[in-house]
Structure formats: C-alpha cells, structure tokens
Amino acid sequence: MESQFSNFIDEVFMQGKMENVFSYTCGSWQNCNQTTIQSFLSQCMEYNIDPQYCMSWVEQHKDEIPNWGAVSETSLGWVNEHTSSGSPISITEQGLS
C-alpha cells in the first residue's frame, strides 16, 4: 500500500514539475508551436521527465493547440531524435530530488 502512495506522490510531483516547465516554455496552449514545443521537451529532459510522458500530456490538449499537425510532427521528430529509438527514458530516484 505504501509503495502505491509513494508512486502517486511521484506522479503528482512530476505532473507539477512538467506543468511548470510548460508554463515557462510555452505559456499557454495557444502559444504552443513548433519552436516552443521543442523548448518544452528539452527542458523536460533536463529535469529528468520522460519527454514521451510530456508529449502524451500535451496531446490531451491538441484541440486547444493551433496547427496541431505541425506541432505533433515536430515533437515526434524531437522525441525520436533525443530518446533512444523513441523509447521512454528511465527516471532515477536521484532525478526526482
């Protein structure tokens, strides 16, 4: 039971960190474009947040993002280029401290 709670806390912490990164790099869904999405993903990676996790969160808001097709294509290219064959990056305990 305790580990489930711990996982939940990690998830909430990561979500908050990711939202802060998004606010800093993109600002709003309307301001999310090919340039800001790359900045968002690279900042996520710097903070040890899996860029694929971040992209799936962004994708949930695709209806609010102008020119989603281009943004999506750019982000997919970025993820494939910066992660090993597009596979998720493991998050270490050290990265969360």
C-alpha atoms as a PDB file:
ATOM      1  CA  MET A   1       0.000   0.000   0.000  1.00  0.00           C
ATOM      2  CA  GLU A   2       2.797   2.400   0.911  1.00  0.00           C
ATOM      3  CA  SER A   3       4.540   1.992  -2.442  1.00  0.00           C
ATOM      4  CA  GLN A   4       1.281   2.789  -4.266  1.00  0.00           C
ATOM      5  CA  PHE A   5       1.037   6.006  -2.278  1.00  0.00           C
ATOM      6  CA  SER A   6       4.679   6.745  -2.998  1.00  0.00           C
ATOM      7  CA  ASN A   7       4.094   6.200  -6.729  1.00  0.00           C
ATOM      8  CA  PHE A   8       1.073   8.508  -6.554  1.00  0.00           C
ATOM      9  CA  ILE A   9       3.136  11.241  -4.875  1.00  0.00           C
ATOM     10  CA  ASP A  10       5.883  10.839  -7.506  1.00  0.00           C
ATOM     11  CA  GLU A  11       3.270  11.161 -10.265  1.00  0.00           C
ATOM     12  CA  VAL A  12       1.744  14.306  -8.736  1.00  0.00           C
ATOM     13  CA  PHE A  13       5.218  15.796  -8.230  1.00  0.00           C
ATOM     14  CA  MET A  14       6.211  15.010 -11.816  1.00  0.00           C
ATOM     15  CA  GLN A  15       2.941  16.409 -13.201  1.00  0.00           C
ATOM     16  CA  GLY A  16       3.503  19.659 -11.287  1.00  0.00           C
ATOM     17  CA  LYS A  17       7.088  19.923 -12.461  1.00  0.00           C
ATOM     18  CA  MET A  18       6.011  19.289 -16.052  1.00  0.00           C
ATOM     19  CA  GLU A  19       3.249  21.921 -15.849  1.00  0.00           C
ATOM     20  CA  ASN A  20       5.762  24.463 -14.529  1.00  0.00           C
ATOM     21  CA  VAL A  21       8.096  23.690 -17.442  1.00  0.00           C
ATOM     22  CA  PHE A  22       5.171  24.112 -19.856  1.00  0.00           C
ATOM     23  CA  SER A  23       4.222  27.481 -18.337  1.00  0.00           C
ATOM     24  CA  TYR A  24       7.817  28.649 -18.647  1.00  0.00           C
ATOM     25  CA  THR A  25       8.411  27.442 -22.227  1.00  0.00           C
ATOM     26  CA  CYS A  26       5.010  27.636 -23.931  1.00  0.00           C
ATOM     27  CA  GLY A  27       2.938  29.788 -21.607  1.00  0.00           C
ATOM     28  CA  SER A  28      -0.425  28.655 -22.963  1.00  0.00           C
ATOM     29  CA  TRP A  29      -1.952  26.089 -25.315  1.00  0.00           C
ATOM     30  CA  GLN A  30      -2.491  28.834 -27.903  1.00  0.00           C
ATOM     31  CA  ASN A  31       1.185  29.746 -27.752  1.00  0.00           C
ATOM     32  CA  CYS A  32       2.290  26.130 -28.207  1.00  0.00           C
ATOM     33  CA  ASN A  33       4.028  25.928 -31.598  1.00  0.00           C
ATOM     34  CA  GLN A  34       6.882  24.100 -33.306  1.00  0.00           C
ATOM     35  CA  THR A  35       9.514  26.205 -31.539  1.00  0.00           C
ATOM     36  CA  THR A  36       8.035  26.264 -28.036  1.00  0.00           C
ATOM     37  CA  ILE A  37       7.240  22.531 -28.054  1.00  0.00           C
ATOM     38  CA  GLN A  38      10.908  21.708 -28.713  1.00  0.00           C
ATOM     39  CA  SER A  39      11.932  24.001 -25.891  1.00  0.00           C
ATOM     40  CA  PHE A  40       9.355  22.316 -23.617  1.00  0.00           C
ATOM     41  CA  LEU A  41      10.605  18.821 -24.468  1.00  0.00           C
ATOM     42  CA  SER A  42      14.277  19.675 -23.987  1.00  0.00           C
ATOM     43  CA  GLN A  43      13.529  21.313 -20.615  1.00  0.00           C
ATOM     44  CA  CYS A  44      11.553  18.226 -19.568  1.00  0.00           C
ATOM     45  CA  MET A  45      14.507  16.060 -20.485  1.00  0.00           C
ATOM     46  CA  GLU A  46      16.841  18.311 -18.489  1.00  0.00           C
ATOM     47  CA  TYR A  47      14.615  17.856 -15.442  1.00  0.00           C
ATOM     48  CA  ASN A  48      14.558  14.058 -15.945  1.00  0.00           C
ATOM     49  CA  ILE A  49      10.916  13.966 -17.003  1.00  0.00           C
ATOM     50  CA  ASP A  50      10.270  11.471 -19.799  1.00  0.00           C
ATOM     51  CA  PRO A  51       9.586  13.534 -22.965  1.00  0.00           C
ATOM     52  CA  GLN A  52       7.122  10.879 -24.173  1.00  0.00           C
ATOM     53  CA  TYR A  53       5.162  11.281 -20.941  1.00  0.00           C
ATOM     54  CA  CYS A  54       5.163  15.038 -21.551  1.00  0.00           C
ATOM     55  CA  MET A  55       4.019  14.630 -25.142  1.00  0.00           C
ATOM     56  CA  SER A  56       1.118  12.384 -24.220  1.00  0.00           C
ATOM     57  CA  TRP A  57       0.020  15.053 -21.722  1.00  0.00           C
ATOM     58  CA  VAL A  58       0.263  17.784 -24.380  1.00  0.00           C
ATOM     59  CA  GLU A  59      -1.637  15.620 -26.863  1.00  0.00           C
ATOM     60  CA  GLN A  60      -4.609  15.524 -24.491  1.00  0.00           C
ATOM     61  CA  HIS A  61      -4.983  19.248 -25.244  1.00  0.00           C
ATOM     62  CA  LYS A  62      -4.471  19.070 -29.009  1.00  0.00           C
ATOM     63  CA  ASP A  63      -7.858  20.695 -29.707  1.00  0.00           C
ATOM     64  CA  GLU A  64      -6.624  23.862 -27.985  1.00  0.00           C
ATOM     65  CA  ILE A  65      -3.322  23.997 -29.898  1.00  0.00           C
ATOM     66  CA  PRO A  66      -3.302  25.898 -33.208  1.00  0.00           C
ATOM     67  CA  ASN A  67      -1.660  23.972 -36.063  1.00  0.00           C
ATOM     68  CA  TRP A  68      -1.576  20.760 -34.001  1.00  0.00           C
ATOM     69  CA  GLY A  69      -0.471  18.676 -37.026  1.00  0.00           C
ATOM     70  CA  ALA A  70       2.806  20.572 -37.389  1.00  0.00           C
ATOM     71  CA  VAL A  71       3.389  20.726 -33.620  1.00  0.00           C
ATOM     72  CA  SER A  72       2.764  16.990 -33.315  1.00  0.00           C
ATOM     73  CA  GLU A  73       5.092  16.172 -36.215  1.00  0.00           C
ATOM     74  CA  THR A  74       7.847  18.358 -34.760  1.00  0.00           C
ATOM     75  CA  SER A  75       7.520  16.830 -31.316  1.00  0.00           C
ATOM     76  CA  LEU A  76       7.546  13.263 -32.657  1.00  0.00           C
ATOM     77  CA  GLY A  77      10.717  14.044 -34.585  1.00  0.00           C
ATOM     78  CA  TRP A  78      12.285  15.578 -31.485  1.00  0.00           C
ATOM     79  CA  VAL A  79      11.409  12.585 -29.288  1.00  0.00           C
ATOM     80  CA  ASN A  80      12.773  10.114 -31.854  1.00  0.00           C
ATOM     81  CA  GLU A  81      15.979  12.102 -32.175  1.00  0.00           C
ATOM     82  CA  HIS A  82      16.604  12.640 -28.458  1.00  0.00           C
ATOM     83  CA  THR A  83      15.493   9.369 -26.907  1.00  0.00           C
ATOM     84  CA  SER A  84      16.954   6.001 -27.760  1.00  0.00           C
ATOM     85  CA  SER A  85      14.809   4.922 -30.705  1.00  0.00           C
ATOM     86  CA  GLY A  86      11.863   6.791 -29.243  1.00  0.00           C
ATOM     87  CA  SER A  87      11.743   4.574 -26.173  1.00  0.00           C
ATOM     88  CA  PRO A  88      10.959   6.024 -22.747  1.00  0.00           C
ATOM     89  CA  ILE A  89      13.817   7.280 -20.608  1.00  0.00           C
ATOM     90  CA  SER A  90      14.007   5.657 -17.205  1.00  0.00           C
ATOM     91  CA  ILE A  91      13.610   8.092 -14.376  1.00  0.00           C
ATOM     92  CA  THR A  92      16.007   7.594 -11.490  1.00  0.00           C
ATOM     93  CA  GLU A  93      15.298   8.373  -7.877  1.00  0.00           C
ATOM     94  CA  GLN A  94      18.161  10.916  -7.935  1.00  0.00           C
ATOM     95  CA  GLY A  95      16.420  12.832 -10.713  1.00  0.00           C
ATOM     96  CA  LEU A  96      13.402  13.493  -8.522  1.00  0.00           C
ATOM     97  CA  SER A  97      15.251  15.072  -5.626  1.00  0.00           C
END
